[in-house]
Amino acid sequence: MDIVASSLVEVEDKNRIRRFKAGSFTLNLYGLEDLIVQRLCSAKYWHYPEDLEQAAILLAAHKDRIDTQYLQRKAEKEKVDDLLQKIKEKLRL
């Protein structure tokens, strides 16, 4: 779970942010596609290889409900589409 605040990844579509109430607080959480791109950015720009693995796990676990066009567009915008392609090839998606 990642709470949306400031991040490497800008959320284009505010409707993709999931909101949850926790007591008197409202938590804003990344949507699945933005979370995957955030992990790819972290792996590429901050050199956290475990985040590349997390992106792959998220993609594999939720492959049937991911908006692939949005994911691809976001990955290209953040210049991590090379890592996304690498994961897709590894998972044979």
N, C-alpha and C. Protein backbone atom coordinates (compact mmCIF):
# COMPACT_ATOMS: atom_id res chain seq x y z
N MET A 1 0.86 -1.16 0.00
CA MET A 1 0.00 0.00 0.00
C MET A 1 0.90 1.22 0.00
N ASP A 2 0.58 2.18 -0.85
CA ASP A 2 1.27 3.46 -0.88
C ASP A 2 0.23 4.56 -0.70
N ILE A 3 0.51 5.46 0.20
CA ILE A 3 -0.38 6.59 0.41
C ILE A 3 0.06 7.70 -0.52
N VAL A 4 -0.87 8.27 -1.25
CA VAL A 4 -0.56 9.32 -2.21
C VAL A 4 -0.28 10.62 -1.46
N ALA A 5 0.89 11.14 -1.67
CA ALA A 5 1.27 12.45 -1.15
C ALA A 5 2.10 13.06 -2.26
N SER A 6 3.38 13.27 -2.01
CA SER A 6 4.26 13.67 -3.11
C SER A 6 5.01 12.42 -3.52
N SER A 7 5.27 12.31 -4.81
CA SER A 7 5.87 11.08 -5.31
C SER A 7 6.53 11.33 -6.65
N LEU A 8 7.25 10.33 -7.12
CA LEU A 8 7.82 10.41 -8.47
C LEU A 8 6.74 10.38 -9.53
N VAL A 9 5.64 9.71 -9.25
CA VAL A 9 4.59 9.50 -10.24
C VAL A 9 3.42 10.44 -9.98
N GLU A 10 3.11 11.23 -10.98
CA GLU A 10 1.95 12.11 -10.90
C GLU A 10 0.72 11.31 -11.33
N VAL A 11 -0.34 11.42 -10.59
CA VAL A 11 -1.59 10.73 -10.94
C VAL A 11 -2.36 11.63 -11.89
N GLU A 12 -2.48 11.19 -13.14
CA GLU A 12 -3.19 11.97 -14.16
C GLU A 12 -4.68 12.03 -13.89
N ASP A 13 -5.23 10.89 -13.60
CA ASP A 13 -6.67 10.75 -13.44
C ASP A 13 -6.99 10.62 -11.96
N LYS A 14 -7.45 11.70 -11.36
CA LYS A 14 -7.73 11.70 -9.92
C LYS A 14 -8.80 10.69 -9.53
N ASN A 15 -9.60 10.23 -10.51
CA ASN A 15 -10.60 9.19 -10.23
C ASN A 15 -9.95 7.84 -9.95
N ARG A 16 -8.68 7.70 -10.28
CA ARG A 16 -7.96 6.44 -10.05
C ARG A 16 -7.44 6.34 -8.61
N ILE A 17 -7.45 7.44 -7.89
CA ILE A 17 -7.04 7.41 -6.49
C ILE A 17 -8.17 6.77 -5.69
N ARG A 18 -7.80 5.80 -4.86
CA ARG A 18 -8.79 5.13 -4.01
C ARG A 18 -8.77 5.79 -2.63
N ARG A 19 -9.95 6.08 -2.15
CA ARG A 19 -10.06 6.75 -0.86
C ARG A 19 -10.67 5.80 0.17
N PHE A 20 -10.02 5.74 1.35
CA PHE A 20 -10.49 4.89 2.43
C PHE A 20 -10.55 5.72 3.70
N LYS A 21 -11.58 5.46 4.47
CA LYS A 21 -11.71 6.12 5.77
C LYS A 21 -11.05 5.23 6.82
N ALA A 22 -10.27 5.85 7.67
CA ALA A 22 -9.64 5.16 8.80
C ALA A 22 -9.85 6.07 10.01
N GLY A 23 -10.89 5.77 10.75
CA GLY A 23 -11.25 6.64 11.86
C GLY A 23 -11.69 7.98 11.31
N SER A 24 -11.07 9.03 11.78
CA SER A 24 -11.42 10.38 11.30
C SER A 24 -10.56 10.81 10.11
N PHE A 25 -9.72 9.92 9.62
CA PHE A 25 -8.82 10.24 8.51
C PHE A 25 -9.33 9.64 7.20
N THR A 26 -9.05 10.33 6.12
CA THR A 26 -9.29 9.78 4.78
C THR A 26 -7.93 9.54 4.16
N LEU A 27 -7.68 8.29 3.74
CA LEU A 27 -6.42 7.92 3.10
C LEU A 27 -6.61 7.89 1.59
N ASN A 28 -5.72 8.53 0.88
CA ASN A 28 -5.72 8.50 -0.58
C ASN A 28 -4.65 7.51 -1.02
N LEU A 29 -5.05 6.48 -1.74
CA LEU A 29 -4.13 5.43 -2.16
C LEU A 29 -4.04 5.37 -3.68
N TYR A 30 -2.84 5.04 -4.17
CA TYR A 30 -2.66 4.87 -5.59
C TYR A 30 -3.58 3.79 -6.14
N GLY A 31 -4.04 3.99 -7.37
CA GLY A 31 -4.68 2.91 -8.10
C GLY A 31 -3.60 1.92 -8.53
N LEU A 32 -4.01 0.76 -8.94
CA LEU A 32 -3.09 -0.32 -9.27
C LEU A 32 -2.06 0.06 -10.32
N GLU A 33 -2.50 0.64 -11.42
CA GLU A 33 -1.58 0.98 -12.51
C GLU A 33 -0.55 2.03 -12.06
N ASP A 34 -1.00 3.04 -11.33
CA ASP A 34 -0.08 4.07 -10.84
C ASP A 34 0.91 3.48 -9.83
N LEU A 35 0.45 2.53 -9.05
CA LEU A 35 1.34 1.87 -8.08
C LEU A 35 2.42 1.08 -8.80
N ILE A 36 2.05 0.38 -9.87
CA ILE A 36 3.04 -0.37 -10.65
C ILE A 36 4.07 0.58 -11.25
N VAL A 37 3.61 1.68 -11.83
CA VAL A 37 4.54 2.64 -12.42
C VAL A 37 5.41 3.28 -11.34
N GLN A 38 4.86 3.54 -10.19
CA GLN A 38 5.65 4.10 -9.09
C GLN A 38 6.77 3.13 -8.71
N ARG A 39 6.46 1.85 -8.65
CA ARG A 39 7.48 0.83 -8.33
C ARG A 39 8.55 0.77 -9.42
N LEU A 40 8.14 0.87 -10.68
CA LEU A 40 9.10 0.86 -11.78
C LEU A 40 10.02 2.08 -11.69
N CYS A 41 9.47 3.23 -11.36
CA CYS A 41 10.28 4.45 -11.20
C CYS A 41 11.28 4.28 -10.06
N SER A 42 10.82 3.72 -8.97
CA SER A 42 11.69 3.51 -7.82
C SER A 42 12.84 2.57 -8.17
N ALA A 43 12.52 1.52 -8.92
CA ALA A 43 13.56 0.57 -9.33
C ALA A 43 14.58 1.22 -10.27
N LYS A 44 14.09 2.02 -11.20
CA LYS A 44 14.97 2.61 -12.22
C LYS A 44 15.76 3.80 -11.70
N TYR A 45 15.10 4.72 -11.03
CA TYR A 45 15.74 5.98 -10.66
C TYR A 45 16.36 5.98 -9.26
N TRP A 46 15.84 5.15 -8.36
CA TRP A 46 16.36 5.09 -7.00
C TRP A 46 17.14 3.80 -6.76
N HIS A 47 17.16 2.94 -7.77
CA HIS A 47 17.95 1.69 -7.74
C HIS A 47 17.53 0.75 -6.61
N TYR A 48 16.22 0.56 -6.50
CA TYR A 48 15.66 -0.40 -5.54
C TYR A 48 15.16 -1.60 -6.32
N PRO A 49 15.99 -2.64 -6.48
CA PRO A 49 15.59 -3.80 -7.28
C PRO A 49 14.37 -4.53 -6.73
N GLU A 50 14.16 -4.46 -5.43
CA GLU A 50 12.98 -5.12 -4.85
C GLU A 50 11.68 -4.49 -5.36
N ASP A 51 11.74 -3.23 -5.75
CA ASP A 51 10.54 -2.58 -6.29
C ASP A 51 10.21 -3.08 -7.70
N LEU A 52 11.23 -3.49 -8.45
CA LEU A 52 10.98 -4.11 -9.75
C LEU A 52 10.26 -5.45 -9.55
N GLU A 53 10.68 -6.18 -8.54
CA GLU A 53 10.02 -7.45 -8.21
C GLU A 53 8.58 -7.21 -7.75
N GLN A 54 8.37 -6.17 -6.96
CA GLN A 54 7.01 -5.85 -6.52
C GLN A 54 6.12 -5.48 -7.69
N ALA A 55 6.65 -4.72 -8.65
CA ALA A 55 5.88 -4.37 -9.84
C ALA A 55 5.49 -5.62 -10.61
N ALA A 56 6.43 -6.55 -10.74
CA ALA A 56 6.15 -7.81 -11.44
C ALA A 56 5.07 -8.63 -10.72
N ILE A 57 5.15 -8.68 -9.41
CA ILE A 57 4.17 -9.42 -8.62
C ILE A 57 2.78 -8.80 -8.78
N LEU A 58 2.71 -7.48 -8.71
CA LEU A 58 1.42 -6.79 -8.88
C LEU A 58 0.85 -7.04 -10.27
N LEU A 59 1.70 -6.96 -11.27
CA LEU A 59 1.24 -7.17 -12.65
C LEU A 59 0.74 -8.60 -12.84
N ALA A 60 1.47 -9.56 -12.32
CA ALA A 60 1.07 -10.97 -12.46
C ALA A 60 -0.21 -11.27 -11.69
N ALA A 61 -0.32 -10.74 -10.49
CA ALA A 61 -1.47 -11.05 -9.64
C ALA A 61 -2.76 -10.40 -10.13
N HIS A 62 -2.64 -9.27 -10.82
CA HIS A 62 -3.83 -8.51 -11.20
C HIS A 62 -3.95 -8.32 -12.72
N LYS A 63 -3.31 -9.20 -13.48
CA LYS A 63 -3.24 -9.02 -14.94
C LYS A 63 -4.60 -8.92 -15.61
N ASP A 64 -5.63 -9.53 -15.03
CA ASP A 64 -6.96 -9.51 -15.64
C ASP A 64 -7.74 -8.24 -15.37
N ARG A 65 -7.30 -7.43 -14.45
CA ARG A 65 -8.05 -6.22 -14.14
C ARG A 65 -7.27 -4.92 -14.35
N ILE A 66 -6.09 -5.03 -14.92
CA ILE A 66 -5.26 -3.85 -15.19
C ILE A 66 -5.71 -3.18 -16.48
N ASP A 67 -5.77 -1.87 -16.44
CA ASP A 67 -6.02 -1.08 -17.65
C ASP A 67 -4.68 -0.97 -18.37
N THR A 68 -4.44 -1.88 -19.32
CA THR A 68 -3.13 -1.98 -19.96
C THR A 68 -2.77 -0.74 -20.77
N GLN A 69 -3.77 -0.09 -21.37
CA GLN A 69 -3.47 1.13 -22.14
C GLN A 69 -3.01 2.25 -21.22
N TYR A 70 -3.70 2.42 -20.10
CA TYR A 70 -3.30 3.44 -19.14
C TYR A 70 -1.92 3.12 -18.58
N LEU A 71 -1.69 1.86 -18.23
CA LEU A 71 -0.40 1.45 -17.69
C LEU A 71 0.72 1.74 -18.67
N GLN A 72 0.55 1.39 -19.92
CA GLN A 72 1.56 1.62 -20.94
C GLN A 72 1.82 3.12 -21.13
N ARG A 73 0.75 3.90 -21.19
CA ARG A 73 0.88 5.35 -21.37
C ARG A 73 1.64 5.98 -20.19
N LYS A 74 1.31 5.55 -18.98
CA LYS A 74 1.99 6.09 -17.79
C LYS A 74 3.45 5.68 -17.77
N ALA A 75 3.73 4.44 -18.14
CA ALA A 75 5.11 3.95 -18.15
C ALA A 75 5.94 4.72 -19.17
N GLU A 76 5.36 5.00 -20.33
CA GLU A 76 6.07 5.79 -21.35
C GLU A 76 6.32 7.21 -20.85
N LYS A 77 5.31 7.80 -20.24
CA LYS A 77 5.45 9.17 -19.74
C LYS A 77 6.57 9.27 -18.69
N GLU A 78 6.66 8.27 -17.84
CA GLU A 78 7.67 8.27 -16.77
C GLU A 78 9.01 7.67 -17.23
N LYS A 79 9.05 7.25 -18.50
CA LYS A 79 10.26 6.68 -19.10
C LYS A 79 10.72 5.39 -18.40
N VAL A 80 9.73 4.56 -18.05
CA VAL A 80 10.02 3.24 -17.47
C VAL A 80 9.38 2.12 -18.29
N ASP A 81 8.99 2.45 -19.52
CA ASP A 81 8.36 1.45 -20.37
C ASP A 81 9.32 0.32 -20.72
N ASP A 82 10.64 0.59 -20.66
CA ASP A 82 11.61 -0.48 -20.88
C ASP A 82 11.53 -1.54 -19.79
N LEU A 83 11.37 -1.11 -18.55
CA LEU A 83 11.22 -2.06 -17.45
C LEU A 83 9.88 -2.79 -17.51
N LEU A 84 8.84 -2.07 -17.89
CA LEU A 84 7.54 -2.71 -18.04
C LEU A 84 7.60 -3.81 -19.09
N GLN A 85 8.25 -3.52 -20.20
CA GLN A 85 8.39 -4.52 -21.27
C GLN A 85 9.18 -5.73 -20.78
N LYS A 86 10.22 -5.48 -20.02
CA LYS A 86 11.05 -6.55 -19.46
C LYS A 86 10.20 -7.47 -18.57
N ILE A 87 9.36 -6.89 -17.75
CA ILE A 87 8.49 -7.67 -16.88
C ILE A 87 7.49 -8.46 -17.70
N LYS A 88 6.89 -7.81 -18.68
CA LYS A 88 5.90 -8.50 -19.53
C LYS A 88 6.52 -9.70 -20.24
N GLU A 89 7.74 -9.53 -20.73
CA GLU A 89 8.42 -10.64 -21.39
C GLU A 89 8.70 -11.78 -20.42
N LYS A 90 9.13 -11.43 -19.23
CA LYS A 90 9.43 -12.43 -18.20
C LYS A 90 8.16 -13.20 -17.82
N LEU A 91 7.05 -12.49 -17.71
CA LEU A 91 5.77 -13.11 -17.34
C LEU A 91 5.02 -13.70 -18.53
N ARG A 92 5.56 -13.43 -19.72
CA ARG A 92 4.94 -13.87 -20.98
C ARG A 92 3.51 -13.33 -21.12
N LEU A 93 3.40 -12.02 -20.91
CA LEU A 93 2.09 -11.34 -21.04
C LEU A 93 2.01 -10.64 -22.38
